[in-house]
Amino acid sequence: MQNRIAAILAIITADTETQHRVCGAEEPADTAHEWADTGLEVSEIREYISAECFDADQTAALSFFGIDPDQAGHRVSGHTETIGYRVSSRDLSADEAAELLTTATA
């Protein structure tokens, strides 16, 4: 478990911008534990964060609705932000994102 936490911590502290977006005012170690609690693989966490998914719980919800990191990185409906960013910011719920992606690909 400690190796997993260390790997996640390395992802979220890789650069200042990522750490600021993912951790906010929280301690990086606490945030790493939150991400570990999602049950996502470390490689998935890296990919979701690259898709601008910055909230662990919201990212877990995306995964629950079958939205993979590639889909989370899409920009749809004229928005400049990714689906992942919009869900992490709570501008869009995970189920709304799933519906939006279904509509966009239909």
PDB file of N, CA and C in Angstrom:
ATOM      1  N   MET A   1       0.823  -1.202   0.000  1.00  0.00           N
ATOM      2  CA  MET A   1       0.000   0.000   0.000  1.00  0.00           C
ATOM      3  C   MET A   1       0.865   1.262   0.000  1.00  0.00           C
ATOM      4  N   GLN A   2       1.963   1.224   0.741  1.00  0.00           N
ATOM      5  CA  GLN A   2       2.837   2.398   0.804  1.00  0.00           C
ATOM      6  C   GLN A   2       3.439   2.713  -0.563  1.00  0.00           C
ATOM      7  N   ASN A   3       3.784   1.667  -1.335  1.00  0.00           N
ATOM      8  CA  ASN A   3       4.319   1.907  -2.678  1.00  0.00           C
ATOM      9  C   ASN A   3       3.272   2.569  -3.561  1.00  0.00           C
ATOM     10  N   ARG A   4       2.027   2.138  -3.401  1.00  0.00           N
ATOM     11  CA  ARG A   4       0.928   2.709  -4.178  1.00  0.00           C
ATOM     12  C   ARG A   4       0.754   4.196  -3.824  1.00  0.00           C
ATOM     13  N   ILE A   5       0.756   4.506  -2.542  1.00  0.00           N
ATOM     14  CA  ILE A   5       0.622   5.898  -2.091  1.00  0.00           C
ATOM     15  C   ILE A   5       1.791   6.722  -2.615  1.00  0.00           C
ATOM     16  N   ALA A   6       2.994   6.173  -2.537  1.00  0.00           N
ATOM     17  CA  ALA A   6       4.181   6.894  -3.012  1.00  0.00           C
ATOM     18  C   ALA A   6       4.090   7.163  -4.508  1.00  0.00           C
ATOM     19  N   ALA A   7       3.589   6.204  -5.270  1.00  0.00           N
ATOM     20  CA  ALA A   7       3.445   6.381  -6.722  1.00  0.00           C
ATOM     21  C   ALA A   7       2.412   7.461  -7.035  1.00  0.00           C
ATOM     22  N   ILE A   8       1.311   7.446  -6.305  1.00  0.00           N
ATOM     23  CA  ILE A   8       0.271   8.474  -6.515  1.00  0.00           C
ATOM     24  C   ILE A   8       0.800   9.841  -6.094  1.00  0.00           C
ATOM     25  N   LEU A   9       1.503   9.884  -4.993  1.00  0.00           N
ATOM     26  CA  LEU A   9       2.092  11.140  -4.519  1.00  0.00           C
ATOM     27  C   LEU A   9       3.044  11.710  -5.561  1.00  0.00           C
ATOM     28  N   ALA A  10       3.823  10.856  -6.203  1.00  0.00           N
ATOM     29  CA  ALA A  10       4.743  11.314  -7.250  1.00  0.00           C
ATOM     30  C   ALA A  10       3.974  11.918  -8.429  1.00  0.00           C
ATOM     31  N   ILE A  11       2.831  11.349  -8.751  1.00  0.00           N
ATOM     32  CA  ILE A  11       2.013  11.874  -9.857  1.00  0.00           C
ATOM     33  C   ILE A  11       1.481  13.254  -9.513  1.00  0.00           C
ATOM     34  N   ILE A  12       0.915  13.385  -8.319  1.00  0.00           N
ATOM     35  CA  ILE A  12       0.251  14.652  -7.992  1.00  0.00           C
ATOM     36  C   ILE A  12       1.210  15.770  -7.610  1.00  0.00           C
ATOM     37  N   THR A  13       2.460  15.423  -7.338  1.00  0.00           N
ATOM     38  CA  THR A  13       3.449  16.458  -7.019  1.00  0.00           C
ATOM     39  C   THR A  13       4.484  16.603  -8.129  1.00  0.00           C
ATOM     40  N   ALA A  14       4.187  16.075  -9.310  1.00  0.00           N
ATOM     41  CA  ALA A  14       5.141  16.104 -10.422  1.00  0.00           C
ATOM     42  C   ALA A  14       5.515  17.527 -10.824  1.00  0.00           C
ATOM     43  N   ASP A  15       4.565  18.432 -10.730  1.00  0.00           N
ATOM     44  CA  ASP A  15       4.843  19.838 -11.015  1.00  0.00           C
ATOM     45  C   ASP A  15       3.916  20.701 -10.173  1.00  0.00           C
ATOM     46  N   THR A  16       4.271  21.957 -10.046  1.00  0.00           N
ATOM     47  CA  THR A  16       3.542  22.876  -9.178  1.00  0.00           C
ATOM     48  C   THR A  16       2.092  23.050  -9.602  1.00  0.00           C
ATOM     49  N   GLU A  17       1.840  23.174 -10.905  1.00  0.00           N
ATOM     50  CA  GLU A  17       0.475  23.383 -11.388  1.00  0.00           C
ATOM     51  C   GLU A  17      -0.412  22.179 -11.072  1.00  0.00           C
ATOM     52  N   THR A  18       0.091  20.992 -11.336  1.00  0.00           N
ATOM     53  CA  THR A  18      -0.690  19.782 -11.043  1.00  0.00           C
ATOM     54  C   THR A  18      -0.963  19.680  -9.550  1.00  0.00           C
ATOM     55  N   GLN A  19       0.055  19.904  -8.739  1.00  0.00           N
ATOM     56  CA  GLN A  19      -0.138  19.823  -7.293  1.00  0.00           C
ATOM     57  C   GLN A  19      -1.181  20.830  -6.830  1.00  0.00           C
ATOM     58  N   HIS A  20      -1.123  22.037  -7.340  1.00  0.00           N
ATOM     59  CA  HIS A  20      -2.093  23.063  -6.947  1.00  0.00           C
ATOM     60  C   HIS A  20      -3.515  22.644  -7.338  1.00  0.00           C
ATOM     61  N   ARG A  21      -3.678  22.149  -8.564  1.00  0.00           N
ATOM     62  CA  ARG A  21      -5.019  21.761  -9.024  1.00  0.00           C
ATOM     63  C   ARG A  21      -5.552  20.542  -8.282  1.00  0.00           C
ATOM     64  N   VAL A  22      -4.705  19.551  -8.063  1.00  0.00           N
ATOM     65  CA  VAL A  22      -5.164  18.302  -7.448  1.00  0.00           C
ATOM     66  C   VAL A  22      -5.305  18.426  -5.937  1.00  0.00           C
ATOM     67  N   CYS A  23      -4.387  19.118  -5.310  1.00  0.00           N
ATOM     68  CA  CYS A  23      -4.384  19.180  -3.843  1.00  0.00           C
ATOM     69  C   CYS A  23      -5.099  20.398  -3.282  1.00  0.00           C
ATOM     70  N   GLY A  24      -5.097  21.488  -4.016  1.00  0.00           N
ATOM     71  CA  GLY A  24      -5.653  22.708  -3.452  1.00  0.00           C
ATOM     72  C   GLY A  24      -4.892  23.064  -2.189  1.00  0.00           C
ATOM     73  N   ALA A  25      -5.611  23.250  -1.098  1.00  0.00           N
ATOM     74  CA  ALA A  25      -4.985  23.598   0.181  1.00  0.00           C
ATOM     75  C   ALA A  25      -4.653  22.365   1.021  1.00  0.00           C
ATOM     76  N   GLU A  26      -5.012  21.177   0.534  1.00  0.00           N
ATOM     77  CA  GLU A  26      -4.750  19.946   1.286  1.00  0.00           C
ATOM     78  C   GLU A  26      -3.285  19.532   1.181  1.00  0.00           C
ATOM     79  N   GLU A  27      -2.871  18.756   2.148  1.00  0.00           N
ATOM     80  CA  GLU A  27      -1.533  18.175   2.102  1.00  0.00           C
ATOM     81  C   GLU A  27      -1.489  17.127   0.996  1.00  0.00           C
ATOM     82  N   PRO A  28      -0.438  17.094   0.182  1.00  0.00           N
ATOM     83  CA  PRO A  28      -0.347  16.112  -0.889  1.00  0.00           C
ATOM     84  C   PRO A  28      -0.501  14.659  -0.410  1.00  0.00           C
ATOM     85  N   ALA A  29       0.023  14.335   0.750  1.00  0.00           N
ATOM     86  CA  ALA A  29      -0.098  12.958   1.254  1.00  0.00           C
ATOM     87  C   ALA A  29      -1.561  12.601   1.516  1.00  0.00           C
ATOM     88  N   ASP A  30      -2.326  13.537   2.056  1.00  0.00           N
ATOM     89  CA  ASP A  30      -3.755  13.295   2.289  1.00  0.00           C
ATOM     90  C   ASP A  30      -4.493  13.103   0.970  1.00  0.00           C
ATOM     91  N   THR A  31      -4.140  13.927  -0.003  1.00  0.00           N
ATOM     92  CA  THR A  31      -4.762  13.819  -1.325  1.00  0.00           C
ATOM     93  C   THR A  31      -4.404  12.491  -1.975  1.00  0.00           C
ATOM     94  N   ALA A  32      -3.176  12.041  -1.819  1.00  0.00           N
ATOM     95  CA  ALA A  32      -2.755  10.743  -2.377  1.00  0.00           C
ATOM     96  C   ALA A  32      -3.598   9.610  -1.795  1.00  0.00           C
ATOM     97  N   HIS A  33      -3.894   9.683  -0.513  1.00  0.00           N
ATOM     98  CA  HIS A  33      -4.749   8.668   0.116  1.00  0.00           C
ATOM     99  C   HIS A  33      -6.168   8.702  -0.457  1.00  0.00           C
ATOM    100  N   GLU A  34      -6.679   9.906  -0.717  1.00  0.00           N
ATOM    101  CA  GLU A  34      -8.012  10.019  -1.322  1.00  0.00           C
ATOM    102  C   GLU A  34      -8.043   9.336  -2.688  1.00  0.00           C
ATOM    103  N   TRP A  35      -7.004   9.572  -3.490  1.00  0.00           N
ATOM    104  CA  TRP A  35      -6.928   8.937  -4.804  1.00  0.00           C
ATOM    105  C   TRP A  35      -6.784   7.423  -4.666  1.00  0.00           C
ATOM    106  N   ALA A  36      -6.004   6.985  -3.701  1.00  0.00           N
ATOM    107  CA  ALA A  36      -5.832   5.534  -3.485  1.00  0.00           C
ATOM    108  C   ALA A  36      -7.170   4.889  -3.129  1.00  0.00           C
ATOM    109  N   ASP A  37      -7.983   5.602  -2.377  1.00  0.00           N
ATOM    110  CA  ASP A  37      -9.290   5.078  -1.958  1.00  0.00           C
ATOM    111  C   ASP A  37     -10.276   4.915  -3.111  1.00  0.00           C
ATOM    112  N   THR A  38      -9.987   5.508  -4.278  1.00  0.00           N
ATOM    113  CA  THR A  38     -10.891   5.360  -5.419  1.00  0.00           C
ATOM    114  C   THR A  38     -10.870   3.946  -5.988  1.00  0.00           C
ATOM    115  N   GLY A  39      -9.796   3.213  -5.726  1.00  0.00           N
ATOM    116  CA  GLY A  39      -9.666   1.866  -6.274  1.00  0.00           C
ATOM    117  C   GLY A  39      -9.123   1.840  -7.693  1.00  0.00           C
ATOM    118  N   LEU A  40      -8.877   3.008  -8.268  1.00  0.00           N
ATOM    119  CA  LEU A  40      -8.303   3.075  -9.617  1.00  0.00           C
ATOM    120  C   LEU A  40      -6.843   2.648  -9.587  1.00  0.00           C
ATOM    121  N   GLU A  41      -6.390   2.081 -10.693  1.00  0.00           N
ATOM    122  CA  GLU A  41      -4.979   1.729 -10.821  1.00  0.00           C
ATOM    123  C   GLU A  41      -4.146   3.013 -10.909  1.00  0.00           C
ATOM    124  N   VAL A  42      -2.898   2.932 -10.487  1.00  0.00           N
ATOM    125  CA  VAL A  42      -2.014   4.101 -10.521  1.00  0.00           C
ATOM    126  C   VAL A  42      -1.909   4.651 -11.944  1.00  0.00           C
ATOM    127  N   SER A  43      -1.806   3.770 -12.920  1.00  0.00           N
ATOM    128  CA  SER A  43      -1.715   4.229 -14.317  1.00  0.00           C
ATOM    129  C   SER A  43      -2.984   4.958 -14.743  1.00  0.00           C
ATOM    130  N   GLU A  44      -4.137   4.486 -14.273  1.00  0.00           N
ATOM    131  CA  GLU A  44      -5.403   5.173 -14.587  1.00  0.00           C
ATOM    132  C   GLU A  44      -5.443   6.554 -13.936  1.00  0.00           C
ATOM    133  N   ILE A  45      -4.982   6.631 -12.703  1.00  0.00           N
ATOM    134  CA  ILE A  45      -4.958   7.915 -11.995  1.00  0.00           C
ATOM    135  C   ILE A  45      -4.122   8.913 -12.779  1.00  0.00           C
ATOM    136  N   ARG A  46      -2.956   8.480 -13.240  1.00  0.00           N
ATOM    137  CA  ARG A  46      -2.089   9.354 -14.038  1.00  0.00           C
ATOM    138  C   ARG A  46      -2.835   9.839 -15.288  1.00  0.00           C
ATOM    139  N   GLU A  47      -3.511   8.920 -15.970  1.00  0.00           N
ATOM    140  CA  GLU A  47      -4.222   9.275 -17.202  1.00  0.00           C
ATOM    141  C   GLU A  47      -5.406  10.209 -16.934  1.00  0.00           C
ATOM    142  N   TYR A  48      -6.150   9.945 -15.858  1.00  0.00           N
ATOM    143  CA  TYR A  48      -7.277  10.832 -15.525  1.00  0.00           C
ATOM    144  C   TYR A  48      -6.774  12.228 -15.169  1.00  0.00           C
ATOM    145  N   ILE A  49      -5.694  12.318 -14.409  1.00  0.00           N
ATOM    146  CA  ILE A  49      -5.152  13.634 -14.055  1.00  0.00           C
ATOM    147  C   ILE A  49      -4.663  14.354 -15.313  1.00  0.00           C
ATOM    148  N   SER A  50      -4.085  13.617 -16.250  1.00  0.00           N
ATOM    149  CA  SER A  50      -3.672  14.221 -17.526  1.00  0.00           C
ATOM    150  C   SER A  50      -4.871  14.736 -18.312  1.00  0.00           C
ATOM    151  N   ALA A  51      -6.037  14.128 -18.081  1.00  0.00           N
ATOM    152  CA  ALA A  51      -7.278  14.565 -18.740  1.00  0.00           C
ATOM    153  C   ALA A  51      -7.978  15.664 -17.951  1.00  0.00           C
ATOM    154  N   GLU A  52      -7.258  16.244 -16.988  1.00  0.00           N
ATOM    155  CA  GLU A  52      -7.737  17.360 -16.177  1.00  0.00           C
ATOM    156  C   GLU A  52      -8.817  16.959 -15.169  1.00  0.00           C
ATOM    157  N   CYS A  53      -8.761  15.719 -14.728  1.00  0.00           N
ATOM    158  CA  CYS A  53      -9.624  15.264 -13.633  1.00  0.00           C
ATOM    159  C   CYS A  53      -8.844  15.499 -12.349  1.00  0.00           C
ATOM    160  N   PHE A  54      -9.276  16.461 -11.561  1.00  0.00           N
ATOM    161  CA  PHE A  54      -8.502  16.853 -10.394  1.00  0.00           C
ATOM    162  C   PHE A  54      -9.142  16.479  -9.067  1.00  0.00           C
ATOM    163  N   ASP A  55     -10.313  15.927  -9.083  1.00  0.00           N
ATOM    164  CA  ASP A  55     -11.012  15.540  -7.856  1.00  0.00           C
ATOM    165  C   ASP A  55     -11.163  14.022  -7.828  1.00  0.00           C
ATOM    166  N   ALA A  56     -10.640  13.399  -6.789  1.00  0.00           N
ATOM    167  CA  ALA A  56     -10.639  11.935  -6.706  1.00  0.00           C
ATOM    168  C   ALA A  56     -12.046  11.348  -6.726  1.00  0.00           C
ATOM    169  N   ASP A  57     -12.934  11.896  -5.918  1.00  0.00           N
ATOM    170  CA  ASP A  57     -14.295  11.352  -5.854  1.00  0.00           C
ATOM    171  C   ASP A  57     -15.042  11.524  -7.172  1.00  0.00           C
ATOM    172  N   GLN A  58     -14.890  12.678  -7.794  1.00  0.00           N
ATOM    173  CA  GLN A  58     -15.556  12.919  -9.069  1.00  0.00           C
ATOM    174  C   GLN A  58     -14.969  12.033 -10.177  1.00  0.00           C
ATOM    175  N   THR A  59     -13.671  11.772 -10.091  1.00  0.00           N
ATOM    176  CA  THR A  59     -13.034  10.882 -11.061  1.00  0.00           C
ATOM    177  C   THR A  59     -13.530   9.452 -10.873  1.00  0.00           C
ATOM    178  N   ALA A  60     -13.703   9.027  -9.634  1.00  0.00           N
ATOM    179  CA  ALA A  60     -14.256   7.697  -9.377  1.00  0.00           C
ATOM    180  C   ALA A  60     -15.660   7.594  -9.955  1.00  0.00           C
ATOM    181  N   ALA A  61     -16.427   8.676  -9.863  1.00  0.00           N
ATOM    182  CA  ALA A  61     -17.778   8.684 -10.434  1.00  0.00           C
ATOM    183  C   ALA A  61     -17.715   8.555 -11.957  1.00  0.00           C
ATOM    184  N   LEU A  62     -16.769   9.236 -12.588  1.00  0.00           N
ATOM    185  CA  LEU A  62     -16.604   9.102 -14.036  1.00  0.00           C
ATOM    186  C   LEU A  62     -16.338   7.636 -14.395  1.00  0.00           C
ATOM    187  N   SER A  63     -15.433   7.028 -13.660  1.00  0.00           N
ATOM    188  CA  SER A  63     -15.099   5.625 -13.906  1.00  0.00           C
ATOM    189  C   SER A  63     -16.317   4.735 -13.713  1.00  0.00           C
ATOM    190  N   PHE A  64     -17.104   4.997 -12.677  1.00  0.00           N
ATOM    191  CA  PHE A  64     -18.321   4.231 -12.401  1.00  0.00           C
ATOM    192  C   PHE A  64     -19.281   4.288 -13.589  1.00  0.00           C
ATOM    193  N   PHE A  65     -19.372   5.448 -14.225  1.00  0.00           N
ATOM    194  CA  PHE A  65     -20.257   5.610 -15.374  1.00  0.00           C
ATOM    195  C   PHE A  65     -19.604   5.156 -16.682  1.00  0.00           C
ATOM    196  N   GLY A  66     -18.446   4.532 -16.592  1.00  0.00           N
ATOM    197  CA  GLY A  66     -17.797   3.968 -17.769  1.00  0.00           C
ATOM    198  C   GLY A  66     -17.035   4.973 -18.612  1.00  0.00           C
ATOM    199  N   ILE A  67     -16.743   6.121 -18.056  1.00  0.00           N
ATOM    200  CA  ILE A  67     -15.987   7.144 -18.783  1.00  0.00           C
ATOM    201  C   ILE A  67     -14.504   6.935 -18.492  1.00  0.00           C
ATOM    202  N   ASP A  68     -13.771   6.553 -19.534  1.00  0.00           N
ATOM    203  CA  ASP A  68     -12.343   6.291 -19.355  1.00  0.00           C
ATOM    204  C   ASP A  68     -11.555   7.604 -19.473  1.00  0.00           C
ATOM    205  N   PRO A  69     -10.255   7.572 -19.168  1.00  0.00           N
ATOM    206  CA  PRO A  69      -9.469   8.809 -19.222  1.00  0.00           C
ATOM    207  C   PRO A  69      -9.482   9.490 -20.589  1.00  0.00           C
ATOM    208  N   ASP A  70      -9.474   8.697 -21.653  1.00  0.00           N
ATOM    209  CA  ASP A  70      -9.506   9.282 -22.996  1.00  0.00           C
ATOM    210  C   ASP A  70     -10.795  10.071 -23.200  1.00  0.00           C
ATOM    211  N   GLN A  71     -11.913   9.493 -22.820  1.00  0.00           N
ATOM    212  CA  GLN A  71     -13.197  10.190 -22.950  1.00  0.00           C
ATOM    213  C   GLN A  71     -13.251  11.403 -22.035  1.00  0.00           C
ATOM    214  N   ALA A  72     -12.693  11.283 -20.838  1.00  0.00           N
ATOM    215  CA  ALA A  72     -12.683  12.404 -19.894  1.00  0.00           C
ATOM    216  C   ALA A  72     -11.891  13.587 -20.447  1.00  0.00           C
ATOM    217  N   GLY A  73     -10.964  13.316 -21.351  1.00  0.00           N
ATOM    218  CA  GLY A  73     -10.160  14.363 -21.951  1.00  0.00           C
ATOM    219  C   GLY A  73     -10.809  15.062 -23.130  1.00  0.00           C
ATOM    220  N   HIS A  74     -12.000  14.608 -23.541  1.00  0.00           N
ATOM    221  CA  HIS A  74     -12.700  15.242 -24.663  1.00  0.00           C
ATOM    222  C   HIS A  74     -13.269  16.604 -24.272  1.00  0.00           C
ATOM    223  N   ARG A  75     -13.365  17.441 -25.268  1.00  0.00           N
ATOM    224  CA  ARG A  75     -14.032  18.733 -25.140  1.00  0.00           C
ATOM    225  C   ARG A  75     -15.241  18.675 -26.066  1.00  0.00           C
ATOM    226  N   VAL A  76     -16.418  18.921 -25.528  1.00  0.00           N
ATOM    227  CA  VAL A  76     -17.640  18.846 -26.335  1.00  0.00           C
ATOM    228  C   VAL A  76     -18.521  20.062 -26.093  1.00  0.00           C
ATOM    229  N   SER A  77     -19.465  20.229 -26.969  1.00  0.00           N
ATOM    230  CA  SER A  77     -20.482  21.296 -26.868  1.00  0.00           C
ATOM    231  C   SER A  77     -19.879  22.690 -26.810  1.00  0.00           C
ATOM    232  N   GLY A  78     -18.780  22.908 -27.531  1.00  0.00           N
ATOM    233  CA  GLY A  78     -18.193  24.231 -27.604  1.00  0.00           C
ATOM    234  C   GLY A  78     -17.438  24.678 -26.362  1.00  0.00           C
ATOM    235  N   HIS A  79     -17.232  23.788 -25.412  1.00  0.00           N
ATOM    236  CA  HIS A  79     -16.498  24.150 -24.184  1.00  0.00           C
ATOM    237  C   HIS A  79     -14.999  23.994 -24.403  1.00  0.00           C
ATOM    238  N   THR A  80     -14.233  24.862 -23.780  1.00  0.00           N
ATOM    239  CA  THR A  80     -12.781  24.757 -23.879  1.00  0.00           C
ATOM    240  C   THR A  80     -12.211  23.807 -22.830  1.00  0.00           C
ATOM    241  N   GLU A  81     -12.975  23.533 -21.770  1.00  0.00           N
ATOM    242  CA  GLU A  81     -12.516  22.632 -20.714  1.00  0.00           C
ATOM    243  C   GLU A  81     -12.857  21.192 -21.084  1.00  0.00           C
ATOM    244  N   THR A  82     -12.059  20.269 -20.561  1.00  0.00           N
ATOM    245  CA  THR A  82     -12.333  18.859 -20.800  1.00  0.00           C
ATOM    246  C   THR A  82     -13.533  18.409 -19.967  1.00  0.00           C
ATOM    247  N   ILE A  83     -14.100  17.289 -20.355  1.00  0.00           N
ATOM    248  CA  ILE A  83     -15.182  16.681 -19.560  1.00  0.00           C
ATOM    249  C   ILE A  83     -14.688  16.461 -18.135  1.00  0.00           C
ATOM    250  N   GLY A  84     -13.477  15.940 -17.999  1.00  0.00           N
ATOM    251  CA  GLY A  84     -12.921  15.686 -16.669  1.00  0.00           C
ATOM    252  C   GLY A  84     -12.815  16.930 -15.815  1.00  0.00           C
ATOM    253  N   TYR A  85     -12.375  18.011 -16.426  1.00  0.00           N
ATOM    254  CA  TYR A  85     -12.265  19.273 -15.694  1.00  0.00           C
ATOM    255  C   TYR A  85     -13.639  19.759 -15.253  1.00  0.00           C
ATOM    256  N   ARG A  86     -14.601  19.679 -16.172  1.00  0.00           N
ATOM    257  CA  ARG A  86     -15.946  20.157 -15.859  1.00  0.00           C
ATOM    258  C   ARG A  86     -16.590  19.338 -14.747  1.00  0.00           C
ATOM    259  N   VAL A  87     -16.359  18.033 -14.736  1.00  0.00           N
ATOM    260  CA  VAL A  87     -16.907  17.189 -13.664  1.00  0.00           C
ATOM    261  C   VAL A  87     -16.157  17.470 -12.360  1.00  0.00           C
ATOM    262  N   SER A  88     -14.839  17.584 -12.425  1.00  0.00           N
ATOM    263  CA  SER A  88     -14.061  17.882 -11.215  1.00  0.00           C
ATOM    264  C   SER A  88     -14.452  19.220 -10.602  1.00  0.00           C
ATOM    265  N   SER A  89     -14.817  20.168 -11.460  1.00  0.00           N
ATOM    266  CA  SER A  89     -15.240  21.498 -10.992  1.00  0.00           C
ATOM    267  C   SER A  89     -16.702  21.535 -10.587  1.00  0.00           C
ATOM    268  N   ARG A  90     -17.382  20.414 -10.779  1.00  0.00           N
ATOM    269  CA  ARG A  90     -18.806  20.268 -10.475  1.00  0.00           C
ATOM    270  C   ARG A  90     -19.694  21.168 -11.342  1.00  0.00           C
ATOM    271  N   ASP A  91     -19.193  21.472 -12.532  1.00  0.00           N
ATOM    272  CA  ASP A  91     -20.007  22.181 -13.517  1.00  0.00           C
ATOM    273  C   ASP A  91     -20.884  21.195 -14.281  1.00  0.00           C
ATOM    274  N   LEU A  92     -20.567  19.913 -14.144  1.00  0.00           N
ATOM    275  CA  LEU A  92     -21.241  18.838 -14.847  1.00  0.00           C
ATOM    276  C   LEU A  92     -21.150  17.608 -13.953  1.00  0.00           C
ATOM    277  N   SER A  93     -22.232  16.856 -13.821  1.00  0.00           N
ATOM    278  CA  SER A  93     -22.166  15.624 -13.023  1.00  0.00           C
ATOM    279  C   SER A  93     -21.635  14.491 -13.900  1.00  0.00           C
ATOM    280  N   ALA A  94     -21.199  13.432 -13.280  1.00  0.00           N
ATOM    281  CA  ALA A  94     -20.667  12.296 -14.030  1.00  0.00           C
ATOM    282  C   ALA A  94     -21.737  11.662 -14.911  1.00  0.00           C
ATOM    283  N   ASP A  95     -22.957  11.569 -14.413  1.00  0.00           N
ATOM    284  CA  ASP A  95     -24.011  10.985 -15.253  1.00  0.00           C
ATOM    285  C   ASP A  95     -24.367  11.911 -16.416  1.00  0.00           C
ATOM    286  N   GLU A  96     -24.326  13.225 -16.199  1.00  0.00           N
ATOM    287  CA  GLU A  96     -24.546  14.165 -17.299  1.00  0.00           C
ATOM    288  C   GLU A  96     -23.420  14.042 -18.334  1.00  0.00           C
ATOM    289  N   ALA A  97     -22.198  13.838 -17.842  1.00  0.00           N
ATOM    290  CA  ALA A  97     -21.060  13.669 -18.747  1.00  0.00           C
ATOM    291  C   ALA A  97     -21.240  12.427 -19.603  1.00  0.00           C
ATOM    292  N   ALA A  98     -21.703  11.333 -18.994  1.00  0.00           N
ATOM    293  CA  ALA A  98     -21.926  10.098 -19.745  1.00  0.00           C
ATOM    294  C   ALA A  98     -22.979  10.324 -20.823  1.00  0.00           C
ATOM    295  N   GLU A  99     -24.037  11.019 -20.479  1.00  0.00           N
ATOM    296  CA  GLU A  99     -25.093  11.310 -21.443  1.00  0.00           C
ATOM    297  C   GLU A  99     -24.587  12.214 -22.562  1.00  0.00           C
ATOM    298  N   LEU A 100     -23.797  13.213 -22.194  1.00  0.00           N
ATOM    299  CA  LEU A 100     -23.230  14.138 -23.166  1.00  0.00           C
ATOM    300  C   LEU A 100     -22.316  13.409 -24.133  1.00  0.00           C
ATOM    301  N   LEU A 101     -21.483  12.512 -23.624  1.00  0.00           N
ATOM    302  CA  LEU A 101     -20.584  11.752 -24.483  1.00  0.00           C
ATOM    303  C   LEU A 101     -21.348  10.820 -25.407  1.00  0.00           C
ATOM    304  N   THR A 102     -22.427  10.229 -24.906  1.00  0.00           N
ATOM    305  CA  THR A 102     -23.259   9.357 -25.732  1.00  0.00           C
ATOM    306  C   THR A 102     -23.903  10.138 -26.863  1.00  0.00           C
ATOM    307  N   THR A 103     -24.395  11.330 -26.540  1.00  0.00           N
ATOM    308  CA  THR A 103     -25.041  12.184 -27.539  1.00  0.00           C
ATOM    309  C   THR A 103     -24.021  12.669 -28.559  1.00  0.00           C
ATOM    310  N   ALA A 104     -22.818  13.011 -28.106  1.00  0.00           N
ATOM    311  CA  ALA A 104     -21.789  13.554 -28.985  1.00  0.00           C
ATOM    312  C   ALA A 104     -21.286  12.514 -29.971  1.00  0.00           C
ATOM    313  N   THR A 105     -21.325  11.243 -29.595  1.00  0.00           N
ATOM    314  CA  THR A 105     -20.824  10.191 -30.476  1.00  0.00           C
ATOM    315  C   THR A 105     -21.928   9.523 -31.281  1.00  0.00           C
ATOM    316  N   ALA A 106     -23.169   9.908 -31.042  1.00  0.00           N
ATOM    317  CA  ALA A 106     -24.306   9.289 -31.768  1.00  0.00           C
ATOM    318  C   ALA A 106     -24.487   9.892 -33.132  1.00  0.00           C
TER     319      ALA A 106
END
